[in-house]
Amino acid sequence: MKSEEQLQQKELTKALVYFDKAKNLLGNESTAKMEEIGTMIYFQLENYPVAKEHAKKYFDLTTEKGTERYNEVLYLYVDIEEKIEAENKIKAELLAAELLRKKEAHRIDSLTTVWYAKFSELSVIADTIYSFDKNGVAVFKNDKGFYGVINDLGSVLVNPGTYADFYHYDGKVVLMEGAKGQSSKVTVYKTNTKEETPLPQVSNFNVLSTNYGKVMLPRENNLIVTYPNNSKKVLVYDIDAKGYKSNSKLITYYEYWKDHNVIKKFNKENQIKIDKEYLNFGGDLGGFSVFYNEDDSLFGFISLGGNIVSSGQYQYLGTLSNGALEAISTEGTSIWLNQQGRTIQKPIDKNGIYKGTTVLIKTDSKYQFVNEKNEIIKDGASLVSLDEFLKMH
């Protein structure tokens, strides 16, 4: 059930983790439902041979032949066969080229060597290439375990460097360098405009901070929210404006809150009073503002409309976009809230669905990007199949 829930939310990595746990628990036993979910997961992971094996087991186990569910798996099985056939086509061409090399001796030998050199040149060395978004952009992990950005033409858009963690959400890739939750460098890449924006050094925001702390998911409003260490101010960076978010309407918020009895008073030092003690302003997140107690502990968050979200519930809030914001509970769980502070379903990821034609084929630690013409492509260069190459020469 957990695997299926994550699958429906397009969280393929989590879905696979739960699926593997289910397999371990069942041992040699299996169910039609389990094999159906396995088929769906591995199809979306583009591991078509494994998806095919799970589909075959599903057909063996199911008692629902002729139902809509059965037909869905049957149609998917046809898609899997076509995908495998597309991959096998290139492999078959490589085998055919080897036979030609033996028949035509030195000439074929020489041409094949030239082709393979180009083939290797046009291969992308990577451990994993994740799903492309609607703009044809994906995150990839290199053979050293670091993350970069690549497009469906095989061009590296952001070199991995030492980026050890990433987010890919709402059409943006956030690359983070350093230990998880202690990133010393953050870069944002917008997949629609192909614009790379490194955040300023965190010490520019606060001289005592050495890392960005918790980094929240990027959103469509182009604001990035982080919680630097040793700081009682939240860093809110405007990617488009290339600067920290201003708080020009803060007095307007305060006056509204006071008029609606959310707060008792406020002063020129950007402090507000709700009970007996003043609270210190910690930043405008874009939808909510954060406040700290006089002892520097987190008080909580107040929305523009005056809704209070207590620190007893959530320790981090992201920016509000399209009526939803990411929240991290005190237990560390990611939850989504509306501007009233109520929990809601996770919004649709604006990364969208890839509709391009590029097919990825992985051999060992290398990927080949194959277009609709069956050409291997990379960085604007292309290579026809070996069979075509030999015919041309």
Protein backbone atom coordinates (compact mmCIF):
# COMPACT_ATOMS: atom_id res chain seq x y z
CA MET A 1 0.00 0.00 0.00
CA LYS A 2 2.83 2.41 0.87
CA SER A 3 4.61 1.58 -2.38
CA GLU A 4 1.42 2.23 -4.36
CA GLU A 5 0.84 5.53 -2.56
CA GLN A 6 4.35 6.73 -3.45
CA LEU A 7 3.92 5.50 -7.03
CA GLN A 8 0.74 7.56 -7.40
CA GLN A 9 2.68 10.60 -6.12
CA LYS A 10 5.45 9.96 -8.66
CA GLU A 11 7.93 9.33 -5.82
CA LEU A 12 9.57 6.44 -7.64
CA THR A 13 12.57 6.07 -5.34
CA LYS A 14 10.38 5.79 -2.25
CA ALA A 15 7.97 3.49 -4.08
CA LEU A 16 10.85 1.15 -4.97
CA VAL A 17 12.12 1.13 -1.37
CA TYR A 18 8.70 0.06 -0.05
CA PHE A 19 8.33 -2.45 -2.88
CA ASP A 20 11.67 -4.09 -2.03
CA LYS A 21 10.63 -4.29 1.63
CA ALA A 22 7.40 -6.02 0.59
CA LYS A 23 9.36 -8.55 -1.49
CA ASN A 24 11.60 -9.33 1.48
CA LEU A 25 8.59 -9.83 3.73
CA LEU A 26 6.82 -12.13 1.26
CA GLY A 27 9.92 -14.19 0.49
CA ASN A 28 9.17 -16.62 -2.32
CA GLU A 29 5.47 -15.76 -2.25
CA SER A 30 3.90 -13.02 -4.35
CA THR A 31 0.53 -11.59 -5.34
CA ALA A 32 -0.95 -10.22 -8.53
CA LYS A 33 -1.25 -6.80 -6.91
CA MET A 34 2.42 -6.83 -5.95
CA GLU A 35 3.53 -7.82 -9.46
CA GLU A 36 1.27 -5.13 -10.94
CA ILE A 37 2.93 -2.44 -8.78
CA GLY A 38 6.36 -3.84 -9.64
CA THR A 39 5.49 -3.55 -13.34
CA MET A 40 4.42 0.10 -12.93
CA ILE A 41 7.51 1.09 -10.88
CA TYR A 42 10.09 -0.47 -13.15
CA PHE A 43 8.32 0.83 -16.28
CA GLN A 44 8.52 4.40 -14.96
CA LEU A 45 12.14 3.79 -13.97
CA GLU A 46 12.68 2.74 -17.59
CA ASN A 47 13.99 -0.67 -16.52
CA TYR A 48 11.88 -2.46 -19.10
CA PRO A 49 13.28 -6.02 -18.81
CA VAL A 50 12.49 -6.13 -15.09
CA ALA A 51 9.08 -4.52 -15.74
CA LYS A 52 8.39 -7.27 -18.28
CA GLU A 53 9.23 -10.03 -15.76
CA HIS A 54 6.85 -8.54 -13.19
CA ALA A 55 4.12 -8.21 -15.84
CA LYS A 56 4.50 -11.89 -16.81
CA LYS A 57 4.20 -12.90 -13.14
CA TYR A 58 1.11 -10.71 -12.83
CA PHE A 59 -0.57 -12.56 -15.71
CA ASP A 60 0.27 -15.88 -14.01
CA LEU A 61 -1.17 -14.81 -10.64
CA THR A 62 -4.18 -12.65 -11.50
CA THR A 63 -7.72 -13.92 -11.28
CA GLU A 64 -9.12 -10.73 -12.84
CA LYS A 65 -8.64 -11.53 -16.52
CA GLY A 66 -10.77 -9.37 -18.76
CA THR A 67 -11.17 -6.61 -16.19
CA GLU A 68 -10.16 -3.00 -16.74
CA ARG A 69 -7.16 -3.47 -14.41
CA TYR A 70 -6.05 -6.55 -16.39
CA ASN A 71 -6.34 -4.68 -19.68
CA GLU A 72 -4.28 -1.76 -18.32
CA VAL A 73 -1.40 -4.12 -17.50
CA LEU A 74 -1.85 -5.82 -20.86
CA TYR A 75 -1.58 -2.52 -22.72
CA LEU A 76 1.45 -1.59 -20.64
CA TYR A 77 3.03 -4.95 -21.51
CA VAL A 78 2.77 -4.00 -25.19
CA ASP A 79 4.52 -0.67 -24.43
CA ILE A 80 7.25 -2.54 -22.55
CA GLU A 81 7.81 -4.87 -25.49
CA GLU A 82 8.17 -1.87 -27.80
CA LYS A 83 10.66 -0.20 -25.47
CA ILE A 84 12.74 -3.37 -25.22
CA GLU A 85 12.57 -3.75 -28.97
CA ALA A 86 13.90 -0.18 -29.42
CA GLU A 87 16.83 -0.90 -27.09
CA ASN A 88 17.55 -4.25 -28.69
CA LYS A 89 17.57 -2.64 -32.10
CA ILE A 90 20.74 -0.69 -31.34
CA LYS A 91 22.35 -3.72 -29.69
CA ALA A 92 21.49 -5.82 -32.74
CA GLU A 93 23.08 -3.24 -35.01
CA LEU A 94 26.27 -3.38 -32.97
CA LEU A 95 26.37 -7.18 -33.36
CA ALA A 96 25.71 -6.91 -37.09
CA ALA A 97 28.57 -4.43 -37.40
CA GLU A 98 30.94 -6.95 -35.81
CA LEU A 99 30.06 -9.50 -38.53
CA LEU A 100 30.73 -6.93 -41.22
CA ARG A 101 34.09 -6.16 -39.65
CA LYS A 102 35.15 -9.80 -39.99
CA LYS A 103 33.93 -10.04 -43.63
CA GLU A 104 35.47 -6.87 -44.90
CA ALA A 105 38.75 -7.12 -42.99
CA HIS A 106 40.93 -4.01 -42.75
CA ARG A 107 38.49 -1.49 -44.22
CA ILE A 108 35.67 -2.50 -41.96
CA ASP A 109 38.10 -2.84 -39.09
CA SER A 110 39.23 0.72 -39.52
CA LEU A 111 35.72 2.14 -39.97
CA THR A 112 34.41 0.29 -36.94
CA THR A 113 37.26 1.63 -34.84
CA VAL A 114 36.38 5.13 -35.96
CA TRP A 115 32.69 4.60 -35.16
CA TYR A 116 33.35 3.20 -31.70
CA ALA A 117 35.64 6.08 -30.89
CA LYS A 118 32.84 8.47 -31.81
CA PHE A 119 30.34 6.29 -29.96
CA SER A 120 32.45 6.55 -26.80
CA GLU A 121 32.89 10.28 -27.33
CA LEU A 122 29.13 10.73 -27.55
CA SER A 123 28.39 8.62 -24.48
CA VAL A 124 27.60 10.26 -21.15
CA ILE A 125 29.35 8.76 -18.16
CA ALA A 126 26.80 8.64 -15.33
CA ASP A 127 25.66 6.39 -12.53
CA THR A 128 22.03 7.54 -12.88
CA ILE A 129 20.04 9.92 -15.04
CA TYR A 130 16.73 10.83 -13.42
CA SER A 131 13.45 11.67 -15.17
CA PHE A 132 13.32 14.52 -17.67
CA ASP A 133 10.83 17.29 -16.94
CA LYS A 134 8.57 18.95 -19.50
CA ASN A 135 11.46 21.19 -20.56
CA GLY A 136 13.66 18.20 -21.38
CA VAL A 137 15.93 18.71 -18.36
CA ALA A 138 17.02 16.08 -15.84
CA VAL A 139 19.35 15.67 -12.89
CA PHE A 140 22.14 13.12 -13.25
CA LYS A 141 24.53 11.53 -10.78
CA ASN A 142 28.08 11.02 -11.99
CA ASP A 143 30.32 8.06 -11.21
CA LYS A 144 31.63 9.87 -8.11
CA GLY A 145 28.17 10.32 -6.59
CA PHE A 146 27.73 14.03 -7.28
CA TYR A 147 24.79 15.66 -9.05
CA GLY A 148 24.59 17.83 -12.15
CA VAL A 149 22.03 18.91 -14.75
CA ILE A 150 21.69 17.60 -18.31
CA ASN A 151 19.18 17.99 -21.15
CA ASP A 152 17.65 15.43 -23.50
CA LEU A 153 20.19 16.32 -26.21
CA GLY A 154 23.00 15.00 -24.04
CA SER A 155 24.38 18.44 -23.14
CA VAL A 156 25.57 18.95 -19.57
CA LEU A 157 23.97 22.18 -18.38
CA VAL A 158 25.49 22.25 -14.88
CA ASN A 159 28.62 20.27 -14.06
CA PRO A 160 28.29 18.09 -10.96
CA GLY A 161 31.32 19.55 -9.19
CA THR A 162 30.80 18.44 -5.59
CA TYR A 163 27.03 18.86 -5.36
CA ALA A 164 25.99 16.08 -2.96
CA ASP A 165 22.21 16.66 -2.84
CA PHE A 166 19.47 18.10 -5.04
CA TYR A 167 15.80 19.01 -5.45
CA HIS A 168 14.00 19.00 -8.81
CA TYR A 169 10.60 20.60 -8.32
CA ASP A 170 8.30 23.11 -10.04
CA GLY A 171 10.64 23.48 -13.01
CA LYS A 172 13.73 24.22 -10.96
CA VAL A 173 16.76 22.22 -9.89
CA VAL A 174 18.40 23.12 -6.58
CA LEU A 175 21.93 21.73 -6.23
CA MET A 176 23.50 21.66 -2.77
CA GLU A 177 27.14 21.20 -1.80
CA GLY A 178 28.13 19.84 1.60
CA ALA A 179 26.52 17.61 4.21
CA LYS A 180 22.74 17.16 4.11
CA GLY A 181 21.09 20.02 5.99
CA GLN A 182 24.42 21.89 6.14
CA SER A 183 24.91 23.02 2.55
CA SER A 184 27.77 25.45 2.08
CA LYS A 185 26.87 26.20 -1.55
CA VAL A 186 23.47 26.34 -3.27
CA THR A 187 22.79 26.81 -6.98
CA VAL A 188 19.36 27.09 -8.62
CA TYR A 189 18.77 26.17 -12.26
CA LYS A 190 15.53 27.16 -14.01
CA THR A 191 14.72 24.50 -16.59
CA ASN A 192 12.50 26.73 -18.74
CA THR A 193 14.97 29.62 -19.21
CA LYS A 194 18.14 27.49 -18.75
CA GLU A 195 19.38 30.10 -16.26
CA GLU A 196 21.80 29.11 -13.51
CA THR A 197 21.74 31.23 -10.34
CA PRO A 198 24.18 30.59 -7.49
CA LEU A 199 23.01 31.95 -4.15
CA PRO A 200 25.42 34.45 -2.55
CA GLN A 201 27.73 33.08 0.13
CA VAL A 202 25.71 32.50 3.27
CA SER A 203 28.12 34.69 5.26
CA ASN A 204 26.95 37.62 3.10
CA PHE A 205 23.52 37.15 4.65
CA ASN A 206 24.78 36.57 8.19
CA VAL A 207 28.48 36.75 9.15
CA LEU A 208 28.03 34.05 11.80
CA SER A 209 26.47 31.52 9.43
CA THR A 210 28.65 28.79 7.90
CA ASN A 211 25.93 26.90 6.01
CA TYR A 212 22.44 27.39 4.61
CA GLY A 213 20.89 24.90 7.04
CA LYS A 214 17.55 23.51 5.95
CA VAL A 215 16.79 24.31 2.29
CA MET A 216 13.12 24.18 1.30
CA LEU A 217 11.73 23.09 -2.08
CA PRO A 218 11.85 25.64 -4.92
CA ARG A 219 8.47 26.95 -6.06
CA GLU A 220 6.92 28.71 -9.05
CA ASN A 221 7.16 32.13 -7.40
CA ASN A 222 10.97 31.91 -7.77
CA LEU A 223 11.69 32.31 -4.05
CA ILE A 224 14.17 30.00 -2.30
CA VAL A 225 13.86 29.69 1.48
CA THR A 226 16.71 28.44 3.69
CA TYR A 227 17.36 28.44 7.44
CA PRO A 228 21.07 29.27 7.94
CA ASN A 229 22.82 28.12 11.12
CA ASN A 230 23.66 30.67 13.83
CA SER A 231 20.99 32.98 12.45
CA LYS A 232 17.65 34.21 13.72
CA LYS A 233 16.75 35.44 10.28
CA VAL A 234 15.45 33.21 7.51
CA LEU A 235 17.17 33.60 4.15
CA VAL A 236 14.65 34.25 1.38
CA TYR A 237 16.27 34.72 -2.02
CA ASP A 238 14.49 36.04 -5.12
CA ILE A 239 15.96 34.16 -8.09
CA ASP A 240 14.63 36.61 -10.68
CA ALA A 241 15.63 39.78 -8.82
CA LYS A 242 19.01 38.25 -7.85
CA GLY A 243 18.64 39.51 -4.29
CA TYR A 244 17.15 38.87 -0.87
CA LYS A 245 13.40 39.38 -0.62
CA SER A 246 12.50 42.83 0.65
CA ASN A 247 10.06 43.49 3.50
CA SER A 248 8.56 46.74 2.24
CA LYS A 249 5.01 45.82 3.30
CA LEU A 250 5.91 44.75 6.83
CA ILE A 251 4.23 47.72 8.54
CA THR A 252 1.10 47.05 6.47
CA TYR A 253 1.03 43.48 7.78
CA TYR A 254 1.50 44.66 11.35
CA GLU A 255 -1.30 47.20 11.10
CA TYR A 256 -3.64 44.61 9.60
CA TRP A 257 -2.79 42.09 12.35
CA LYS A 258 -3.34 44.70 15.06
CA ASP A 259 -6.67 45.79 13.56
CA HIS A 260 -7.78 42.15 13.52
CA ASN A 261 -6.55 41.42 17.07
CA VAL A 262 -3.88 38.98 15.95
CA ILE A 263 -1.24 41.02 17.81
CA LYS A 264 -1.49 43.60 20.60
CA LYS A 265 1.17 46.02 19.39
CA PHE A 266 4.34 46.47 17.33
CA ASN A 267 7.29 48.84 17.34
CA LYS A 268 9.91 50.36 15.03
CA GLU A 269 12.33 47.53 15.78
CA ASN A 270 10.09 45.11 13.87
CA GLN A 271 8.92 43.50 17.06
CA ILE A 272 5.37 42.44 17.77
CA LYS A 273 3.60 41.52 20.98
CA ILE A 274 0.98 38.80 21.18
CA ASP A 275 1.13 37.90 24.87
CA LYS A 276 3.47 39.42 27.44
CA GLU A 277 6.80 39.35 25.60
CA TYR A 278 7.88 40.88 22.34
CA LEU A 279 8.64 38.66 19.35
CA ASN A 280 11.45 39.43 16.90
CA PHE A 281 10.79 39.42 13.15
CA GLY A 282 12.80 36.70 11.40
CA GLY A 283 11.90 37.13 7.76
CA ASP A 284 9.10 37.29 5.18
CA LEU A 285 8.82 33.86 3.54
CA GLY A 286 6.35 34.97 0.90
CA GLY A 287 2.95 34.15 2.37
CA PHE A 288 4.08 33.76 5.99
CA SER A 289 6.45 35.66 8.28
CA VAL A 290 8.61 33.97 10.91
CA PHE A 291 9.06 35.23 14.47
CA TYR A 292 11.43 34.33 17.29
CA ASN A 293 11.03 34.67 21.06
CA GLU A 294 13.28 37.00 23.02
CA ASP A 295 15.41 33.99 24.03
CA ASP A 296 16.00 33.37 20.27
CA SER A 297 13.83 30.23 20.21
CA LEU A 298 11.34 29.89 17.37
CA PHE A 299 7.87 31.22 18.20
CA GLY A 300 6.20 30.30 14.93
CA PHE A 301 4.83 31.74 11.70
CA ILE A 302 2.06 34.22 10.90
CA SER A 303 0.35 34.36 7.49
CA LEU A 304 -0.47 37.62 5.75
CA GLY A 305 -4.08 37.03 6.76
CA GLY A 306 -3.13 36.58 10.42
CA ASN A 307 -3.20 32.80 10.75
CA ILE A 308 -0.64 31.55 13.27
CA VAL A 309 1.33 28.32 12.78
CA SER A 310 3.00 27.26 16.02
CA SER A 311 6.60 26.08 16.35
CA GLY A 312 5.14 23.22 18.37
CA GLN A 313 3.79 21.85 15.07
CA TYR A 314 6.32 22.88 12.44
CA GLN A 315 9.96 23.86 12.59
CA TYR A 316 10.31 25.01 8.96
CA LEU A 317 7.97 26.56 6.41
CA GLY A 318 8.67 27.18 2.74
CA THR A 319 7.25 29.87 0.50
CA LEU A 320 3.56 30.03 -0.43
CA SER A 321 2.84 29.46 -4.13
CA ASN A 322 -0.51 28.64 -5.75
CA GLY A 323 -2.12 28.35 -2.32
CA ALA A 324 0.29 25.71 -0.99
CA LEU A 325 3.55 25.65 0.96
CA GLU A 326 5.93 22.95 2.14
CA ALA A 327 6.21 22.48 5.91
CA ILE A 328 8.55 20.33 7.98
CA SER A 329 6.97 19.08 11.20
CA THR A 330 8.80 18.86 14.51
CA GLU A 331 9.18 15.13 13.77
CA GLY A 332 10.91 15.95 10.47
CA THR A 333 8.00 14.94 8.23
CA SER A 334 7.31 16.90 5.03
CA ILE A 335 3.72 18.17 4.96
CA TRP A 336 1.83 20.64 2.75
CA LEU A 337 -0.26 23.51 4.15
CA ASN A 338 -2.55 26.20 2.77
CA GLN A 339 -2.35 29.85 3.82
CA GLN A 340 -4.70 29.15 6.71
CA GLY A 341 -2.14 26.69 8.07
CA ARG A 342 -4.30 23.63 7.37
CA THR A 343 -2.85 20.45 5.92
CA ILE A 344 -3.64 19.76 2.25
CA GLN A 345 -2.66 17.24 -0.39
CA LYS A 346 0.72 17.63 -2.04
CA PRO A 347 0.27 19.93 -5.07
CA ILE A 348 1.05 18.77 -8.59
CA ASP A 349 4.74 19.08 -9.38
CA LYS A 350 5.03 21.70 -12.13
CA ASN A 351 7.99 19.78 -13.58
CA GLY A 352 5.35 18.26 -15.81
CA ILE A 353 5.66 15.17 -17.98
CA TYR A 354 8.40 14.75 -20.56
CA LYS A 355 6.95 14.60 -24.08
CA GLY A 356 10.21 14.48 -26.04
CA THR A 357 11.49 11.64 -28.19
CA THR A 358 14.93 10.96 -26.73
CA VAL A 359 15.50 7.40 -25.51
CA LEU A 360 18.22 6.63 -22.97
CA ILE A 361 20.18 3.42 -23.25
CA LYS A 362 22.57 2.49 -20.47
CA THR A 363 25.56 0.24 -20.95
CA ASP A 364 27.76 -0.24 -17.91
CA SER A 365 28.39 3.26 -16.52
CA LYS A 366 27.57 5.09 -19.76
CA TYR A 367 24.38 6.42 -21.28
CA GLN A 368 23.60 6.94 -24.94
CA PHE A 369 20.99 9.51 -25.97
CA VAL A 370 19.10 8.24 -29.01
CA ASN A 371 16.78 10.49 -31.04
CA GLU A 372 13.78 9.60 -33.21
CA LYS A 373 16.11 9.06 -36.18
CA ASN A 374 17.91 6.36 -34.20
CA GLU A 375 20.99 8.61 -33.97
CA ILE A 376 23.17 8.86 -30.90
CA ILE A 377 23.34 12.55 -29.94
CA LYS A 378 25.39 14.66 -27.58
CA ASP A 379 26.27 18.37 -27.41
CA GLY A 380 24.93 19.07 -30.91
CA ALA A 381 26.86 16.19 -32.49
CA SER A 382 25.18 13.06 -33.79
CA LEU A 383 26.16 9.59 -34.88
CA VAL A 384 24.12 7.27 -37.01
CA SER A 385 23.96 3.61 -36.14
CA LEU A 386 27.02 1.56 -37.00
CA ASP A 387 25.18 -0.16 -39.82
CA GLU A 388 24.33 3.17 -41.45
CA PHE A 389 27.84 4.44 -40.83
CA LEU A 390 29.36 1.50 -42.70
CA LYS A 391 26.93 1.89 -45.60
CA MET A 392 27.77 5.59 -45.86
CA HIS A 393 31.49 4.80 -46.09
